[in-house]
Amino acid sequence: MALRLRGVSAVFSQVRFMSGQWGEGAGKGGGSGGSIREAGGSFGKMEAAREEEYFRKLQSKQLEKLKDSIHDEIDFHTKQIKMHQDAISRHKRKIGKLEDQENDSD
C-alpha cells in the first residue's frame, strides 16, 4: 500500500515552469502544444485554460483517491488495535487463571 501511495503523491510534486502567459504561442508558457496553441491568441488561451482545468480536475480526483486510501488504512489499523487489545486481555486472563491455580496448589 505504501508503494501505491508514493506513486500518487509523486504526481503532486510535479511543477510547471513557464514564462509569459499560457496559450500565447510556442515557447511562451504554452509550449509547443499543437497548432492552435502555437498560433496564440484567444483560441490558444482558451485551450490552455481547458488544459489547466483538466489537470486541476485530475489532481482533485487523485487527492480524493489518496484521502480514501488513507481513511481505509486508518480503519484497518483501528481494527488491528482492537484485535490486539482483545488478545492482550485474553492473555492477561489466562495468566490470572494460571496464577490462581498455582496459588491453590500451594
Protein backbone atom coordinates (compact mmCIF):
# COMPACT_ATOMS: atom_id res chain seq x y z
CA MET A 1 0.00 0.00 0.00
CA ALA A 2 2.89 2.36 0.77
CA LEU A 3 4.21 1.93 -2.74
CA ARG A 4 0.86 2.85 -4.24
CA LEU A 5 0.67 5.99 -2.11
CA ARG A 6 4.14 7.06 -3.16
CA GLY A 7 3.06 6.83 -6.80
CA VAL A 8 0.05 9.04 -6.21
CA SER A 9 1.94 11.61 -4.15
CA ALA A 10 4.65 11.84 -6.81
CA VAL A 11 2.10 13.38 -9.16
CA PHE A 12 1.54 16.25 -6.73
CA SER A 13 5.22 17.16 -6.65
CA GLN A 14 5.41 18.00 -10.35
CA VAL A 15 5.87 21.69 -11.08
CA ARG A 16 5.38 23.55 -14.34
CA PHE A 17 7.90 26.19 -15.33
CA MET A 18 6.85 28.79 -17.85
CA SER A 19 7.36 32.32 -18.99
CA GLY A 20 4.73 34.62 -20.42
CA GLN A 21 1.02 33.86 -20.49
CA TRP A 22 -0.47 30.47 -21.22
CA GLY A 23 -1.61 29.99 -24.77
CA GLU A 24 0.49 32.81 -26.19
CA GLY A 25 2.31 30.61 -28.65
CA ALA A 26 5.33 28.34 -28.70
CA GLY A 27 7.91 28.99 -26.02
CA LYS A 28 5.69 31.38 -24.08
CA GLY A 29 4.24 29.15 -21.42
CA GLY A 30 2.01 27.39 -23.92
CA GLY A 31 4.95 25.45 -25.27
CA SER A 32 4.57 23.54 -28.46
CA GLY A 33 1.15 22.17 -27.65
CA GLY A 34 -0.23 21.96 -31.16
CA SER A 35 -1.09 24.33 -34.00
CA ILE A 36 -3.83 26.18 -32.12
CA ARG A 37 -1.59 26.78 -29.11
CA GLU A 38 1.34 27.74 -31.33
CA ALA A 39 -0.77 30.34 -33.12
CA GLY A 40 -1.56 32.02 -29.81
CA GLY A 41 -4.48 34.38 -29.49
CA SER A 42 -7.78 33.70 -27.81
CA PHE A 43 -8.05 30.11 -29.07
CA GLY A 44 -4.63 29.33 -27.62
CA LYS A 45 -5.57 30.90 -24.29
CA MET A 46 -8.87 29.01 -24.26
CA GLU A 47 -7.09 25.74 -24.97
CA ALA A 48 -4.56 26.47 -22.22
CA ALA A 49 -7.42 27.16 -19.81
CA ARG A 50 -9.09 23.85 -20.74
CA GLU A 51 -5.82 22.03 -20.22
CA GLU A 52 -5.34 23.61 -16.81
CA GLU A 53 -8.91 22.74 -15.87
CA TYR A 54 -8.29 19.13 -16.92
CA PHE A 55 -5.16 18.87 -14.77
CA ARG A 56 -6.86 20.58 -11.84
CA LYS A 57 -9.72 18.04 -12.02
CA LEU A 58 -7.25 15.18 -12.38
CA GLN A 59 -5.31 16.36 -9.35
CA SER A 60 -8.55 16.72 -7.38
CA LYS A 61 -9.55 13.13 -8.25
CA GLN A 62 -6.10 11.88 -7.25
CA LEU A 63 -6.32 13.77 -3.97
CA GLU A 64 -9.73 12.24 -3.23
CA LYS A 65 -8.36 8.78 -4.04
CA LEU A 66 -5.42 9.39 -1.71
CA LYS A 67 -7.75 10.55 1.08
CA ASP A 68 -9.94 7.46 0.64
CA SER A 69 -6.89 5.25 0.77
CA ILE A 70 -5.70 6.91 3.99
CA HIS A 71 -9.15 6.51 5.55
CA ASP A 72 -9.07 2.81 4.61
CA GLU A 73 -5.67 2.49 6.30
CA ILE A 74 -6.98 4.21 9.43
CA ASP A 75 -9.95 1.81 9.56
CA PHE A 76 -7.65 -1.18 9.08
CA HIS A 77 -5.28 -0.09 11.85
CA THR A 78 -8.16 0.73 14.20
CA LYS A 79 -9.47 -2.82 13.74
CA GLN A 80 -5.97 -4.20 14.32
CA ILE A 81 -5.67 -2.20 17.56
CA LYS A 82 -8.99 -3.61 18.77
CA MET A 83 -7.90 -7.16 17.92
CA HIS A 84 -4.59 -6.69 19.77
CA GLN A 85 -6.33 -5.20 22.80
CA ASP A 86 -8.67 -8.20 22.90
CA ALA A 87 -5.70 -10.56 22.65
CA ILE A 88 -3.90 -8.75 25.48
CA SER A 89 -6.99 -9.01 27.70
CA ARG A 90 -7.35 -12.70 26.86
CA HIS A 91 -3.69 -13.38 27.72
CA LYS A 92 -3.97 -11.45 30.99
CA ARG A 93 -6.99 -13.57 31.95
CA LYS A 94 -5.01 -16.73 31.16
CA ILE A 95 -2.11 -15.54 33.30
CA GLY A 96 -4.52 -14.72 36.10
CA LYS A 97 -6.07 -18.20 35.93
CA LEU A 98 -2.63 -19.84 35.90
CA GLU A 99 -1.56 -17.78 38.95
CA ASP A 100 -4.78 -18.73 40.74
CA GLN A 101 -4.15 -22.43 40.01
CA GLU A 102 -0.55 -22.05 41.20
CA ASN A 103 -1.68 -20.40 44.46
CA ASP A 104 -4.38 -23.05 45.02
CA SER A 105 -1.89 -25.88 44.62
CA ASP A 106 0.50 -24.35 47.20
